Amino acid sequence: MEIIIWIVIMLPISVLFTGIGIFAWRSRKPMWFWAGSTVKESEIRDIPAYNRANGIMWLAYSSVFWISTFLGLFGTALAGIFMMAGCLGGIPALVFAYLKIYDHYRN
């Protein structure tokens, strides 16, 4: 039963982060990172490349959740440990990666 609960929880989370990555990649306006913030078009010199980099960043982060979802089929303890490690390391990595992306494409 715990495997079913794990899958029911993890699948939507995995899809959500993958969706954010696809949305960022396809967006015509500059993708934002912080909740409630915006990035003006005048701030970014190459919007498609900036959004593609953001999309790749989010897709890479979603891989933690997809791998955790898959690992949950074999045991939720290992999957939970992998997800916790991925989140604890992934969140600071997201912030660092976004700041590098923003600095690289800023006018």
C-alpha atoms as a PDB file:
ATOM      1  CA  MET A   1       0.000   0.000   0.000  1.00  0.00           C
ATOM      2  CA  GLU A   2       2.836   2.410   0.765  1.00  0.00           C
ATOM      3  CA  ILE A   3       4.170   2.056  -2.790  1.00  0.00           C
ATOM      4  CA  ILE A   4       0.804   3.147  -4.184  1.00  0.00           C
ATOM      5  CA  ILE A   5       0.699   6.149  -1.847  1.00  0.00           C
ATOM      6  CA  TRP A   6       4.287   7.017  -2.846  1.00  0.00           C
ATOM      7  CA  ILE A   7       3.435   6.881  -6.548  1.00  0.00           C
ATOM      8  CA  VAL A   8       0.214   8.891  -6.074  1.00  0.00           C
ATOM      9  CA  ILE A   9       2.185  11.622  -4.308  1.00  0.00           C
ATOM     10  CA  MET A  10       5.357  11.603  -6.397  1.00  0.00           C
ATOM     11  CA  LEU A  11       3.911  11.397  -9.891  1.00  0.00           C
ATOM     12  CA  PRO A  12       2.117  14.774  -9.738  1.00  0.00           C
ATOM     13  CA  ILE A  13       5.173  16.396  -8.163  1.00  0.00           C
ATOM     14  CA  SER A  14       7.406  14.988 -10.905  1.00  0.00           C
ATOM     15  CA  VAL A  15       4.992  16.155 -13.592  1.00  0.00           C
ATOM     16  CA  LEU A  16       4.768  19.609 -11.962  1.00  0.00           C
ATOM     17  CA  PHE A  17       8.519  20.245 -12.079  1.00  0.00           C
ATOM     18  CA  THR A  18       8.755  18.824 -15.595  1.00  0.00           C
ATOM     19  CA  GLY A  19       5.884  21.135 -16.581  1.00  0.00           C
ATOM     20  CA  ILE A  20       7.698  24.135 -15.122  1.00  0.00           C
ATOM     21  CA  GLY A  21      10.745  23.194 -17.209  1.00  0.00           C
ATOM     22  CA  ILE A  22       8.710  22.867 -20.403  1.00  0.00           C
ATOM     23  CA  PHE A  23       6.842  26.104 -19.663  1.00  0.00           C
ATOM     24  CA  ALA A  24      10.124  27.951 -19.091  1.00  0.00           C
ATOM     25  CA  TRP A  25      11.660  26.522 -22.259  1.00  0.00           C
ATOM     26  CA  ARG A  26       8.701  27.538 -24.443  1.00  0.00           C
ATOM     27  CA  SER A  27       7.880  30.883 -22.844  1.00  0.00           C
ATOM     28  CA  ARG A  28       8.238  33.960 -25.025  1.00  0.00           C
ATOM     29  CA  LYS A  29       8.684  36.282 -22.055  1.00  0.00           C
ATOM     30  CA  PRO A  30      11.635  35.908 -19.670  1.00  0.00           C
ATOM     31  CA  MET A  31      11.042  33.202 -17.082  1.00  0.00           C
ATOM     32  CA  TRP A  32      11.133  34.286 -13.461  1.00  0.00           C
ATOM     33  CA  PHE A  33      12.534  32.300 -10.560  1.00  0.00           C
ATOM     34  CA  TRP A  34      11.391  33.824  -7.290  1.00  0.00           C
ATOM     35  CA  ALA A  35       7.711  33.689  -6.404  1.00  0.00           C
ATOM     36  CA  GLY A  36       6.063  37.021  -7.092  1.00  0.00           C
ATOM     37  CA  SER A  37       9.002  38.426  -9.052  1.00  0.00           C
ATOM     38  CA  THR A  38       9.263  39.210 -12.729  1.00  0.00           C
ATOM     39  CA  VAL A  39      12.131  39.608 -15.150  1.00  0.00           C
ATOM     40  CA  LYS A  40      11.733  42.464 -17.616  1.00  0.00           C
ATOM     41  CA  GLU A  41      12.417  41.803 -21.274  1.00  0.00           C
ATOM     42  CA  SER A  42      14.830  44.730 -21.274  1.00  0.00           C
ATOM     43  CA  GLU A  43      16.964  42.957 -18.643  1.00  0.00           C
ATOM     44  CA  ILE A  44      17.725  39.905 -20.828  1.00  0.00           C
ATOM     45  CA  ARG A  45      19.738  40.067 -24.050  1.00  0.00           C
ATOM     46  CA  ASP A  46      18.706  36.663 -25.505  1.00  0.00           C
ATOM     47  CA  ILE A  47      15.298  35.642 -24.170  1.00  0.00           C
ATOM     48  CA  PRO A  48      14.997  32.278 -26.009  1.00  0.00           C
ATOM     49  CA  ALA A  49      18.437  31.147 -24.791  1.00  0.00           C
ATOM     50  CA  TYR A  50      17.726  32.425 -21.278  1.00  0.00           C
ATOM     51  CA  ASN A  51      14.416  30.541 -21.163  1.00  0.00           C
ATOM     52  CA  ARG A  52      16.006  27.401 -22.627  1.00  0.00           C
ATOM     53  CA  ALA A  53      18.643  27.479 -19.870  1.00  0.00           C
ATOM     54  CA  ASN A  54      15.917  27.942 -17.257  1.00  0.00           C
ATOM     55  CA  GLY A  55      13.948  25.064 -18.758  1.00  0.00           C
ATOM     56  CA  ILE A  56      16.976  22.775 -18.656  1.00  0.00           C
ATOM     57  CA  MET A  57      17.594  23.769 -15.037  1.00  0.00           C
ATOM     58  CA  TRP A  58      14.018  22.832 -14.030  1.00  0.00           C
ATOM     59  CA  LEU A  59      14.056  19.623 -16.069  1.00  0.00           C
ATOM     60  CA  ALA A  60      17.294  18.587 -14.358  1.00  0.00           C
ATOM     61  CA  TYR A  61      15.699  19.272 -10.972  1.00  0.00           C
ATOM     62  CA  SER A  62      12.614  17.267 -11.936  1.00  0.00           C
ATOM     63  CA  SER A  63      14.863  14.270 -12.587  1.00  0.00           C
ATOM     64  CA  VAL A  64      15.345  13.947  -8.811  1.00  0.00           C
ATOM     65  CA  PHE A  65      11.606  13.427  -8.440  1.00  0.00           C
ATOM     66  CA  TRP A  66      11.324  11.056 -11.406  1.00  0.00           C
ATOM     67  CA  ILE A  67      14.173   8.915 -10.073  1.00  0.00           C
ATOM     68  CA  SER A  68      12.595   8.957  -6.607  1.00  0.00           C
ATOM     69  CA  THR A  69       9.266   7.918  -8.110  1.00  0.00           C
ATOM     70  CA  PHE A  70      10.927   5.007  -9.897  1.00  0.00           C
ATOM     71  CA  LEU A  71      12.946   3.986  -6.814  1.00  0.00           C
ATOM     72  CA  GLY A  72       9.700   3.937  -4.838  1.00  0.00           C
ATOM     73  CA  LEU A  73       8.640   0.899  -6.840  1.00  0.00           C
ATOM     74  CA  PHE A  74      11.429  -1.038  -5.130  1.00  0.00           C
ATOM     75  CA  GLY A  75      11.250   0.498  -1.667  1.00  0.00           C
ATOM     76  CA  THR A  76      10.041   3.765  -0.290  1.00  0.00           C
ATOM     77  CA  ALA A  77      12.855   4.105   2.255  1.00  0.00           C
ATOM     78  CA  LEU A  78      15.572   4.319  -0.407  1.00  0.00           C
ATOM     79  CA  ALA A  79      13.361   6.544  -2.561  1.00  0.00           C
ATOM     80  CA  GLY A  80      12.689   8.864   0.372  1.00  0.00           C
ATOM     81  CA  ILE A  81      16.379   9.155   1.208  1.00  0.00           C
ATOM     82  CA  PHE A  82      17.215   9.895  -2.431  1.00  0.00           C
ATOM     83  CA  MET A  83      14.478  12.527  -2.633  1.00  0.00           C
ATOM     84  CA  MET A  84      15.534  14.205   0.624  1.00  0.00           C
ATOM     85  CA  ALA A  85      19.171  14.328  -0.494  1.00  0.00           C
ATOM     86  CA  GLY A  86      18.124  15.597  -3.924  1.00  0.00           C
ATOM     87  CA  CYS A  87      15.939  18.317  -2.447  1.00  0.00           C
ATOM     88  CA  LEU A  88      18.449  19.404   0.192  1.00  0.00           C
ATOM     89  CA  GLY A  89      21.184  19.672  -2.419  1.00  0.00           C
ATOM     90  CA  GLY A  90      18.896  20.610  -5.286  1.00  0.00           C
ATOM     91  CA  ILE A  91      17.309  23.721  -3.842  1.00  0.00           C
ATOM     92  CA  PRO A  92      20.624  25.539  -3.262  1.00  0.00           C
ATOM     93  CA  ALA A  93      21.788  24.233  -6.651  1.00  0.00           C
ATOM     94  CA  LEU A  94      18.672  25.753  -8.269  1.00  0.00           C
ATOM     95  CA  VAL A  95      19.377  29.144  -6.708  1.00  0.00           C
ATOM     96  CA  PHE A  96      23.041  29.006  -7.741  1.00  0.00           C
ATOM     97  CA  ALA A  97      22.198  27.851 -11.284  1.00  0.00           C
ATOM     98  CA  TYR A  98      19.521  30.505 -11.729  1.00  0.00           C
ATOM     99  CA  LEU A  99      21.835  33.279 -10.579  1.00  0.00           C
ATOM    100  CA  LYS A 100      24.491  32.057 -13.039  1.00  0.00           C
ATOM    101  CA  ILE A 101      21.898  31.929 -15.851  1.00  0.00           C
ATOM    102  CA  TYR A 102      20.597  35.400 -15.000  1.00  0.00           C
ATOM    103  CA  ASP A 103      24.105  36.883 -14.837  1.00  0.00           C
ATOM    104  CA  HIS A 104      25.039  35.243 -18.133  1.00  0.00           C
ATOM    105  CA  TYR A 105      22.025  36.592 -20.082  1.00  0.00           C
ATOM    106  CA  ARG A 106      21.609  39.948 -18.318  1.00  0.00           C
ATOM    107  CA  ASN A 107      22.180  43.047 -20.448  1.00  0.00           C
END
